Amino acid sequence: MKKIEKVTLIGLGAMGVFFAPRISAKLGANFRILANGARKERLEKKGVTVNGINYHFPIITPDAEGDPADLVIIAVKGYDLLQAIEDIKNQVGPDTIILSVLNGVESEKQVASVYGWEHMLYSYMRVSIVMKDGKTDFNPELGVIRFGDAKNDPENLSENVLACKELFDACNIKNKVDDDMLKGIWFKFMCNVAENMTCALFDVPFGAFQKSDDANYFRNAAMWEVIRIANKLGIEIGQAEVDRQNHTLGRIPYENMPSTLQDLKNGKHTEVDMFAGTVVRLGKELGIETPICEMFYHGIRLIEARMFGEV
């Protein structure tokens, strides 16, 4: 059976730290962070602090040759994906598996266009991690990585899926192989677009959805814009998924903030292009109106322009 003995991670932010300490504990020096420039210098100097423990993981640079990984995990922000695709080139060998754990619904397609679908598994994460100044505290038991081929038969999983599952199980990383990965990815995208964009544009926490009909007006409208696009693409999501997320929102701590609002409050660029921007673009391609997401897209871009002194 295929075995993963060497892992390279690019992106040691909120998603990357979900994996790094536990894979490092299992693989030691065979777990590496891919970084260069100022990011490399910062990680070498300060490392990252996760649940009170400071870690300095081995670092390799994109120009390091002759030592490809068995598994590459891409955990960067959406606006850094194209650079990450270029940076991992020396880490991808003939049998390397690639997981792109970004938000959104198109990163696998972008990576596969360069390296081929034979390397790719679909993946998405359900975890809430807030990272600031290289530090974070979170309960690893509350997060899960879902991964697999587009469709998965539990009785006949592919070699690549089995290899990843063996690694995650050995590292005590909660994981699940969905029967239908595309449905899961689009469900998460529906939630991300509706919640991230509403909270970011109106500067409200998740708790707003527990008590404000106005917040839920925008959230519900955005969800259905995503659903109509997904359905046109053959992805079967609908009212059942809306009801499921309505139930989940009631369990999220009131003051928690989604990543886009965190980015704005920290003076950073957001993933608005990946969220609302993707909905608007696909809507135009498919002939589906997306007025709420168009408002989100232009509104958040205007906030960014003001923040960076462009207007």
Protein backbone atom coordinates (compact mmCIF):
# COMPACT_ATOMS: atom_id res chain seq x y z
CA MET A 1 0.00 0.00 0.00
CA LYS A 2 1.13 3.54 -0.75
CA LYS A 3 2.64 5.21 2.31
CA ILE A 4 3.18 8.89 3.10
CA GLU A 5 6.53 9.40 4.80
CA LYS A 6 7.43 12.94 3.73
CA VAL A 7 5.07 15.95 3.88
CA THR A 8 5.53 19.53 2.70
CA LEU A 9 3.16 22.26 3.88
CA ILE A 10 2.92 25.68 2.25
CA GLY A 11 0.98 28.20 4.32
CA LEU A 12 1.50 28.16 8.09
CA GLY A 13 -1.50 30.28 8.98
CA ALA A 14 -4.83 29.39 10.57
CA MET A 15 -5.33 26.32 8.37
CA GLY A 16 -1.70 25.22 8.31
CA VAL A 17 -1.34 25.09 12.10
CA PHE A 18 -4.24 22.62 12.22
CA PHE A 19 -1.87 20.08 10.65
CA ALA A 20 1.67 21.15 11.48
CA PRO A 21 2.23 20.19 15.16
CA ARG A 22 0.69 16.75 14.82
CA ILE A 23 2.28 15.76 11.51
CA SER A 24 5.61 17.07 12.78
CA ALA A 25 5.31 14.96 15.93
CA LYS A 26 4.87 11.87 13.76
CA LEU A 27 7.33 12.53 10.92
CA GLY A 28 9.98 14.72 12.57
CA ALA A 29 12.39 16.20 10.02
CA ASN A 30 10.37 14.65 7.19
CA PHE A 31 7.73 17.32 7.78
CA ARG A 32 8.80 20.60 6.18
CA ILE A 33 7.40 24.10 5.71
CA LEU A 34 7.89 25.61 2.26
CA ALA A 35 8.73 29.30 2.56
CA ASN A 36 11.13 31.97 1.36
CA GLY A 37 11.87 35.67 1.76
CA ALA A 38 10.42 37.57 4.69
CA ARG A 39 8.07 34.72 5.61
CA LYS A 40 11.01 32.31 5.92
CA GLU A 41 12.94 34.80 8.05
CA ARG A 42 9.97 35.37 10.34
CA LEU A 43 9.34 31.65 10.83
CA GLU A 44 13.02 30.99 11.51
CA LYS A 45 13.15 33.79 14.05
CA LYS A 46 9.78 33.52 15.81
CA GLY A 47 8.23 30.23 14.72
CA VAL A 48 4.54 29.82 15.52
CA THR A 49 2.87 29.38 18.89
CA VAL A 50 0.00 26.90 19.05
CA ASN A 51 -1.84 26.35 22.33
CA GLY A 52 1.03 27.87 24.29
CA ILE A 53 3.81 25.84 22.64
CA ASN A 54 6.30 27.54 20.32
CA TYR A 55 7.25 25.51 17.26
CA HIS A 56 10.14 25.91 14.83
CA PHE A 57 9.52 23.49 11.98
CA PRO A 58 12.14 22.59 9.34
CA ILE A 59 11.94 25.03 6.43
CA ILE A 60 12.82 24.43 2.80
CA THR A 61 12.76 26.95 -0.03
CA PRO A 62 11.02 26.63 -3.41
CA ASP A 63 14.34 26.25 -5.21
CA ALA A 64 15.31 23.11 -3.22
CA GLU A 65 15.60 20.28 -5.77
CA GLY A 66 15.75 16.50 -5.71
CA ASP A 67 13.63 15.89 -2.61
CA PRO A 68 9.92 15.73 -3.55
CA ALA A 69 7.25 15.08 -0.93
CA ASP A 70 4.80 12.20 -0.77
CA LEU A 71 2.11 14.72 0.21
CA VAL A 72 1.94 18.47 -0.42
CA ILE A 73 -0.63 20.46 1.57
CA ILE A 74 -1.49 23.90 0.19
CA ALA A 75 -2.96 26.05 2.97
CA VAL A 76 -2.45 29.61 1.71
CA LYS A 77 -5.00 32.38 1.24
CA GLY A 78 -6.80 32.42 -2.09
CA TYR A 79 -4.89 35.44 -3.38
CA ASP A 80 -1.60 33.56 -2.84
CA LEU A 81 -2.63 30.37 -4.67
CA LEU A 82 -1.01 31.10 -8.03
CA GLN A 83 2.33 31.80 -6.36
CA ALA A 84 1.98 28.66 -4.23
CA ILE A 85 1.34 26.57 -7.36
CA GLU A 86 4.62 27.85 -8.76
CA ASP A 87 6.50 27.43 -5.47
CA ILE A 88 5.64 23.72 -4.99
CA LYS A 89 7.03 22.60 -8.35
CA ASN A 90 10.15 20.96 -6.89
CA GLN A 91 8.05 19.21 -4.23
CA VAL A 92 5.84 17.38 -6.72
CA GLY A 93 7.24 14.06 -7.90
CA PRO A 94 5.61 11.33 -10.02
CA ASP A 95 3.62 9.91 -7.08
CA THR A 96 3.05 13.05 -4.98
CA ILE A 97 -0.45 13.64 -3.62
CA ILE A 98 -1.66 17.26 -3.41
CA LEU A 99 -4.30 18.56 -1.01
CA SER A 100 -5.45 22.15 -1.52
CA VAL A 101 -7.36 23.01 1.65
CA LEU A 102 -8.28 26.55 0.60
CA ASN A 103 -11.73 28.02 0.84
CA GLY A 104 -13.67 28.26 -2.40
CA VAL A 105 -14.61 25.77 -5.12
CA GLU A 106 -11.90 26.18 -7.75
CA SER A 107 -8.46 25.65 -6.20
CA GLU A 108 -8.25 21.95 -7.11
CA LYS A 109 -8.97 22.79 -10.74
CA GLN A 110 -6.28 25.47 -10.74
CA VAL A 111 -3.65 23.16 -9.22
CA ALA A 112 -4.62 20.25 -11.49
CA SER A 113 -4.27 22.46 -14.56
CA VAL A 114 -0.54 22.59 -13.80
CA TYR A 115 0.23 19.21 -12.20
CA GLY A 116 -2.57 16.93 -13.45
CA TRP A 117 -5.63 15.41 -11.76
CA GLU A 118 -3.72 12.21 -10.98
CA HIS A 119 -2.02 14.13 -8.13
CA MET A 120 -5.14 15.77 -6.72
CA LEU A 121 -7.57 14.92 -3.99
CA TYR A 122 -10.48 17.21 -3.11
CA SER A 123 -10.50 18.59 0.42
CA TYR A 124 -12.14 21.08 2.71
CA MET A 125 -11.90 21.88 6.39
CA ARG A 126 -14.46 22.49 9.09
CA VAL A 127 -12.51 24.30 11.78
CA SER A 128 -12.56 27.72 13.43
CA ILE A 129 -9.06 29.02 14.16
CA VAL A 130 -8.14 32.63 14.85
CA MET A 131 -4.44 33.39 14.40
CA LYS A 132 -2.82 36.70 15.25
CA ASP A 133 0.87 37.62 15.31
CA GLY A 134 1.88 33.98 14.82
CA LYS A 135 -0.12 32.76 17.82
CA THR A 136 -3.32 30.78 18.20
CA ASP A 137 -5.24 28.71 20.72
CA PHE A 138 -7.81 26.17 19.54
CA ASN A 139 -9.15 22.73 20.37
CA PRO A 140 -7.85 20.31 17.71
CA GLU A 141 -10.69 17.90 18.52
CA LEU A 142 -13.24 20.39 17.18
CA GLY A 143 -11.74 20.47 13.69
CA VAL A 144 -11.90 17.95 10.86
CA ILE A 145 -10.30 17.61 7.43
CA ARG A 146 -12.59 16.09 4.81
CA PHE A 147 -10.93 14.74 1.70
CA GLY A 148 -11.24 12.25 -1.12
CA ASP A 149 -11.80 11.78 -4.81
CA ALA A 150 -14.85 13.49 -6.33
CA LYS A 151 -16.92 10.37 -5.48
CA ASN A 152 -15.86 7.81 -2.88
CA ASP A 153 -17.04 4.25 -2.22
CA PRO A 154 -16.25 3.46 1.44
CA GLU A 155 -15.65 -0.16 0.45
CA ASN A 156 -13.28 0.70 -2.39
CA LEU A 157 -11.25 3.82 -1.60
CA SER A 158 -8.42 4.79 -3.94
CA GLU A 159 -4.76 4.27 -3.05
CA ASN A 160 -4.20 8.01 -2.57
CA VAL A 161 -7.22 8.37 -0.27
CA LEU A 162 -6.13 5.39 1.83
CA ALA A 163 -2.60 6.77 2.13
CA CYS A 164 -3.85 10.14 3.40
CA LYS A 165 -6.27 8.50 5.80
CA GLU A 166 -3.52 6.32 7.24
CA LEU A 167 -1.35 9.41 7.82
CA PHE A 168 -4.10 11.49 9.43
CA ASP A 169 -5.20 8.60 11.65
CA ALA A 170 -1.60 8.04 12.77
CA CYS A 171 -1.29 11.77 13.58
CA ASN A 172 -4.61 11.86 15.50
CA ILE A 173 -6.01 14.37 13.01
CA LYS A 174 -9.77 14.00 12.76
CA ASN A 175 -10.70 13.21 9.19
CA LYS A 176 -13.59 12.01 7.05
CA VAL A 177 -13.89 10.79 3.49
CA ASP A 178 -17.15 12.13 2.06
CA ASP A 179 -19.12 10.00 -0.38
CA ASP A 180 -19.62 13.14 -2.49
CA MET A 181 -16.80 15.63 -2.05
CA LEU A 182 -18.14 18.21 -4.51
CA LYS A 183 -21.41 18.46 -2.60
CA GLY A 184 -19.48 19.02 0.64
CA ILE A 185 -17.21 21.65 -0.91
CA TRP A 186 -20.16 23.57 -2.35
CA PHE A 187 -22.03 23.36 0.96
CA LYS A 188 -19.06 24.93 2.74
CA PHE A 189 -18.76 27.53 -0.03
CA MET A 190 -22.45 28.43 0.38
CA CYS A 191 -21.89 28.99 4.10
CA ASN A 192 -18.65 30.90 3.61
CA VAL A 193 -20.05 33.28 1.02
CA ALA A 194 -23.20 34.03 3.00
CA GLU A 195 -21.63 34.40 6.44
CA ASN A 196 -18.19 35.80 5.63
CA MET A 197 -19.54 38.45 3.29
CA THR A 198 -22.46 39.56 5.50
CA CYS A 199 -20.28 39.86 8.60
CA ALA A 200 -17.48 41.65 6.74
CA LEU A 201 -19.61 44.21 4.93
CA PHE A 202 -21.70 45.12 7.98
CA ASP A 203 -19.00 44.59 10.65
CA VAL A 204 -21.02 42.14 12.76
CA PRO A 205 -20.00 38.85 14.45
CA PHE A 206 -21.55 35.43 13.90
CA GLY A 207 -23.93 36.20 16.76
CA ALA A 208 -25.83 38.62 14.53
CA PHE A 209 -27.42 35.62 12.82
CA GLN A 210 -28.86 34.49 16.15
CA LYS A 211 -30.87 37.66 16.74
CA SER A 212 -31.10 39.82 13.60
CA ASP A 213 -33.65 39.22 10.83
CA ASP A 214 -31.79 41.81 8.76
CA ALA A 215 -28.49 39.91 8.97
CA ASN A 216 -30.28 36.71 8.01
CA TYR A 217 -31.97 38.43 5.06
CA PHE A 218 -28.58 38.98 3.42
CA ARG A 219 -27.24 35.58 4.49
CA ASN A 220 -30.23 33.67 3.11
CA ALA A 221 -30.28 35.62 -0.14
CA ALA A 222 -26.59 34.92 -0.71
CA MET A 223 -27.01 31.22 0.10
CA TRP A 224 -29.68 30.86 -2.56
CA GLU A 225 -27.55 32.64 -5.15
CA VAL A 226 -24.85 30.02 -4.52
CA ILE A 227 -27.41 27.18 -4.55
CA ARG A 228 -28.80 28.23 -7.94
CA ILE A 229 -25.29 28.26 -9.42
CA ALA A 230 -24.41 24.90 -7.84
CA ASN A 231 -27.61 23.33 -9.16
CA LYS A 232 -26.88 24.61 -12.66
CA LEU A 233 -23.48 22.90 -12.39
CA GLY A 234 -25.09 19.63 -11.32
CA ILE A 235 -24.35 19.92 -7.58
CA GLU A 236 -27.40 18.92 -5.56
CA ILE A 237 -27.66 21.26 -2.60
CA GLY A 238 -30.78 23.08 -1.44
CA GLN A 239 -33.15 23.64 1.48
CA ALA A 240 -31.82 20.68 3.48
CA GLU A 241 -28.35 22.24 3.50
CA VAL A 242 -29.77 25.64 4.44
CA ASP A 243 -31.64 24.07 7.38
CA ARG A 244 -28.51 22.19 8.43
CA GLN A 245 -26.47 25.39 8.56
CA ASN A 246 -29.22 27.32 10.36
CA HIS A 247 -28.97 24.71 13.12
CA THR A 248 -25.16 24.91 13.21
CA LEU A 249 -25.09 28.71 13.53
CA GLY A 250 -26.87 28.52 16.85
CA ARG A 251 -23.86 26.72 18.35
CA ILE A 252 -21.21 29.22 17.25
CA PRO A 253 -20.09 31.59 20.07
CA TYR A 254 -21.76 34.98 19.64
CA GLU A 255 -18.55 37.02 19.37
CA ASN A 256 -16.75 34.77 16.86
CA MET A 257 -15.82 36.47 13.59
CA PRO A 258 -15.40 34.82 10.17
CA SER A 259 -12.05 35.16 8.41
CA THR A 260 -12.99 38.02 6.08
CA LEU A 261 -14.00 40.28 8.97
CA GLN A 262 -10.84 39.27 10.84
CA ASP A 263 -8.79 40.26 7.78
CA LEU A 264 -10.42 43.69 7.59
CA LYS A 265 -9.93 44.34 11.30
CA ASN A 266 -6.27 43.34 10.96
CA GLY A 267 -5.74 45.65 7.97
CA LYS A 268 -5.23 42.78 5.51
CA HIS A 269 -6.50 41.99 2.04
CA THR A 270 -9.49 39.63 2.05
CA GLU A 271 -10.62 36.65 0.00
CA VAL A 272 -13.60 38.57 -1.42
CA ASP A 273 -12.56 37.58 -4.95
CA MET A 274 -12.70 33.91 -3.99
CA PHE A 275 -16.06 34.28 -2.25
CA ALA A 276 -18.42 36.87 -3.75
CA GLY A 277 -16.22 37.39 -6.81
CA THR A 278 -16.51 33.73 -7.82
CA VAL A 279 -20.30 33.81 -7.42
CA VAL A 280 -20.61 36.94 -9.56
CA ARG A 281 -18.35 35.54 -12.29
CA LEU A 282 -20.06 32.14 -12.42
CA GLY A 283 -23.46 33.82 -12.33
CA LYS A 284 -22.60 35.82 -15.42
CA GLU A 285 -21.24 32.74 -17.18
CA LEU A 286 -24.36 30.71 -16.38
CA GLY A 287 -26.98 33.43 -16.81
CA ILE A 288 -27.92 33.56 -13.10
CA GLU A 289 -28.48 36.89 -11.37
CA THR A 290 -26.45 37.48 -8.20
CA PRO A 291 -27.37 40.97 -6.91
CA ILE A 292 -26.53 40.29 -3.25
CA CYS A 293 -23.09 38.91 -4.04
CA GLU A 294 -22.45 41.80 -6.44
CA MET A 295 -23.20 44.17 -3.56
CA PHE A 296 -20.90 42.17 -1.27
CA TYR A 297 -18.13 42.13 -3.87
CA HIS A 298 -18.10 45.84 -4.65
CA GLY A 299 -18.81 46.88 -1.05
CA ILE A 300 -15.92 44.92 0.46
CA ARG A 301 -13.56 45.95 -2.34
CA LEU A 302 -14.44 49.58 -1.56
CA ILE A 303 -13.69 49.01 2.14
CA GLU A 304 -10.30 47.56 1.16
CA ALA A 305 -9.60 50.49 -1.17
CA ARG A 306 -10.35 52.94 1.63
CA MET A 307 -8.24 50.94 4.09
CA PHE A 308 -5.22 50.96 1.76
CA GLY A 309 -5.55 54.66 0.86
CA GLU A 310 -6.71 54.08 -2.71
CA VAL A 311 -9.82 56.25 -2.36
